[in-house]
Amino acid sequence: MRKATRISRTSTHGFDGNNAALLTPEDGNHELSLSPSGRFFVDSYSKPDLPRVTVVRDQGGKLLYTVEKEDVSRLVAPDGSLRFRSP
């Protein structure tokens, strides 16, 4: 049985429906935190085959800075399978 992956993206548009802009273009589930000024937001996203990535974007969605990319290399074997230690 194949499991579905839920993908979410965030977009913005004017009240008249014009000027649509995709703020989070990457595939994945996104979590946003808006800065107090509203000029920037932190976007943390991931999906089952992509470890969490955290970036800072401006109010138009332009990528300004990559804060962190989770390193899961110690959890993945050379063949792509997950490694687990026995207790």
Protein backbone atom coordinates (compact mmCIF):
# COMPACT_ATOMS: atom_id res chain seq x y z
CA MET A 1 0.00 0.00 0.00
CA ARG A 2 1.42 3.37 -1.01
CA LYS A 3 1.16 6.19 1.50
CA ALA A 4 0.35 9.69 0.33
CA THR A 5 2.66 12.56 1.26
CA ARG A 6 0.95 15.79 2.19
CA ILE A 7 2.64 18.82 0.71
CA SER A 8 1.84 22.34 1.83
CA ARG A 9 2.95 25.64 0.42
CA THR A 10 2.18 29.19 1.48
CA SER A 11 1.17 31.95 -0.90
CA THR A 12 -0.10 35.51 -0.72
CA HIS A 13 -2.31 37.66 -2.92
CA GLY A 14 -4.10 40.99 -2.86
CA PHE A 15 -7.66 41.35 -1.60
CA ASP A 16 -8.79 41.65 -5.22
CA GLY A 17 -7.20 38.27 -6.04
CA ASN A 18 -4.33 39.80 -8.03
CA ASN A 19 -0.59 39.84 -7.34
CA ALA A 20 -0.37 36.20 -6.27
CA ALA A 21 3.06 35.13 -5.00
CA LEU A 22 4.29 31.76 -3.76
CA LEU A 23 6.13 32.37 -0.48
CA THR A 24 7.34 28.82 0.17
CA PRO A 25 8.15 27.15 -3.17
CA GLU A 26 9.83 23.98 -1.89
CA ASP A 27 7.88 20.73 -1.66
CA GLY A 28 7.27 19.82 1.96
CA ASN A 29 5.33 20.70 5.05
CA HIS A 30 6.11 24.27 6.08
CA GLU A 31 5.98 25.95 9.48
CA LEU A 32 6.21 29.75 9.44
CA SER A 33 7.07 32.28 12.14
CA LEU A 34 6.59 35.96 11.30
CA SER A 35 9.00 38.59 12.64
CA PRO A 36 7.55 41.34 14.87
CA SER A 37 7.99 43.89 12.04
CA GLY A 38 6.28 41.62 9.50
CA ARG A 39 9.15 42.16 7.07
CA PHE A 40 10.65 38.67 7.45
CA PHE A 41 9.61 35.15 8.34
CA VAL A 42 11.35 31.95 9.36
CA ASP A 43 10.32 28.96 7.24
CA SER A 44 11.05 25.46 8.55
CA TYR A 45 10.12 22.68 6.18
CA SER A 46 10.66 18.97 5.68
CA LYS A 47 9.09 15.89 4.17
CA PRO A 48 9.60 12.16 4.80
CA ASP A 49 12.59 11.96 2.45
CA LEU A 50 14.00 15.43 3.27
CA PRO A 51 15.38 16.38 6.71
CA ARG A 52 14.23 19.71 8.17
CA VAL A 53 15.57 22.88 6.56
CA THR A 54 15.19 26.27 8.27
CA VAL A 55 15.50 29.48 6.24
CA VAL A 56 14.77 33.20 6.58
CA ARG A 57 12.73 34.87 3.82
CA ASP A 58 11.56 38.41 3.18
CA GLN A 59 7.86 39.30 3.02
CA GLY A 60 7.85 38.47 -0.70
CA GLY A 61 9.24 34.97 -0.12
CA LYS A 62 12.78 35.69 -1.33
CA LEU A 63 15.31 33.41 0.34
CA LEU A 64 17.68 35.54 2.42
CA TYR A 65 19.55 33.06 4.58
CA THR A 66 19.71 29.33 5.28
CA VAL A 67 19.81 28.92 9.05
CA GLU A 68 20.13 25.15 9.28
CA LYS A 69 19.92 21.93 7.33
CA GLU A 70 19.55 18.92 9.61
CA ASP A 71 22.33 16.39 9.18
CA VAL A 72 21.00 12.85 9.23
CA SER A 73 24.01 11.26 7.53
CA ARG A 74 24.82 9.16 10.61
CA LEU A 75 21.31 7.70 10.47
CA VAL A 76 21.42 6.64 6.81
CA ALA A 77 23.43 3.66 5.57
CA PRO A 78 25.28 3.80 2.22
CA ASP A 79 22.44 1.83 0.60
CA GLY A 80 19.91 4.49 1.69
CA SER A 81 18.33 2.43 4.47
CA LEU A 82 18.01 3.79 7.99
CA ARG A 83 20.50 2.73 10.66
CA PHE A 84 19.29 1.92 14.15
CA ARG A 85 21.36 0.78 17.09
CA SER A 86 20.12 -2.10 19.16
CA PRO A 87 19.68 -1.28 22.84
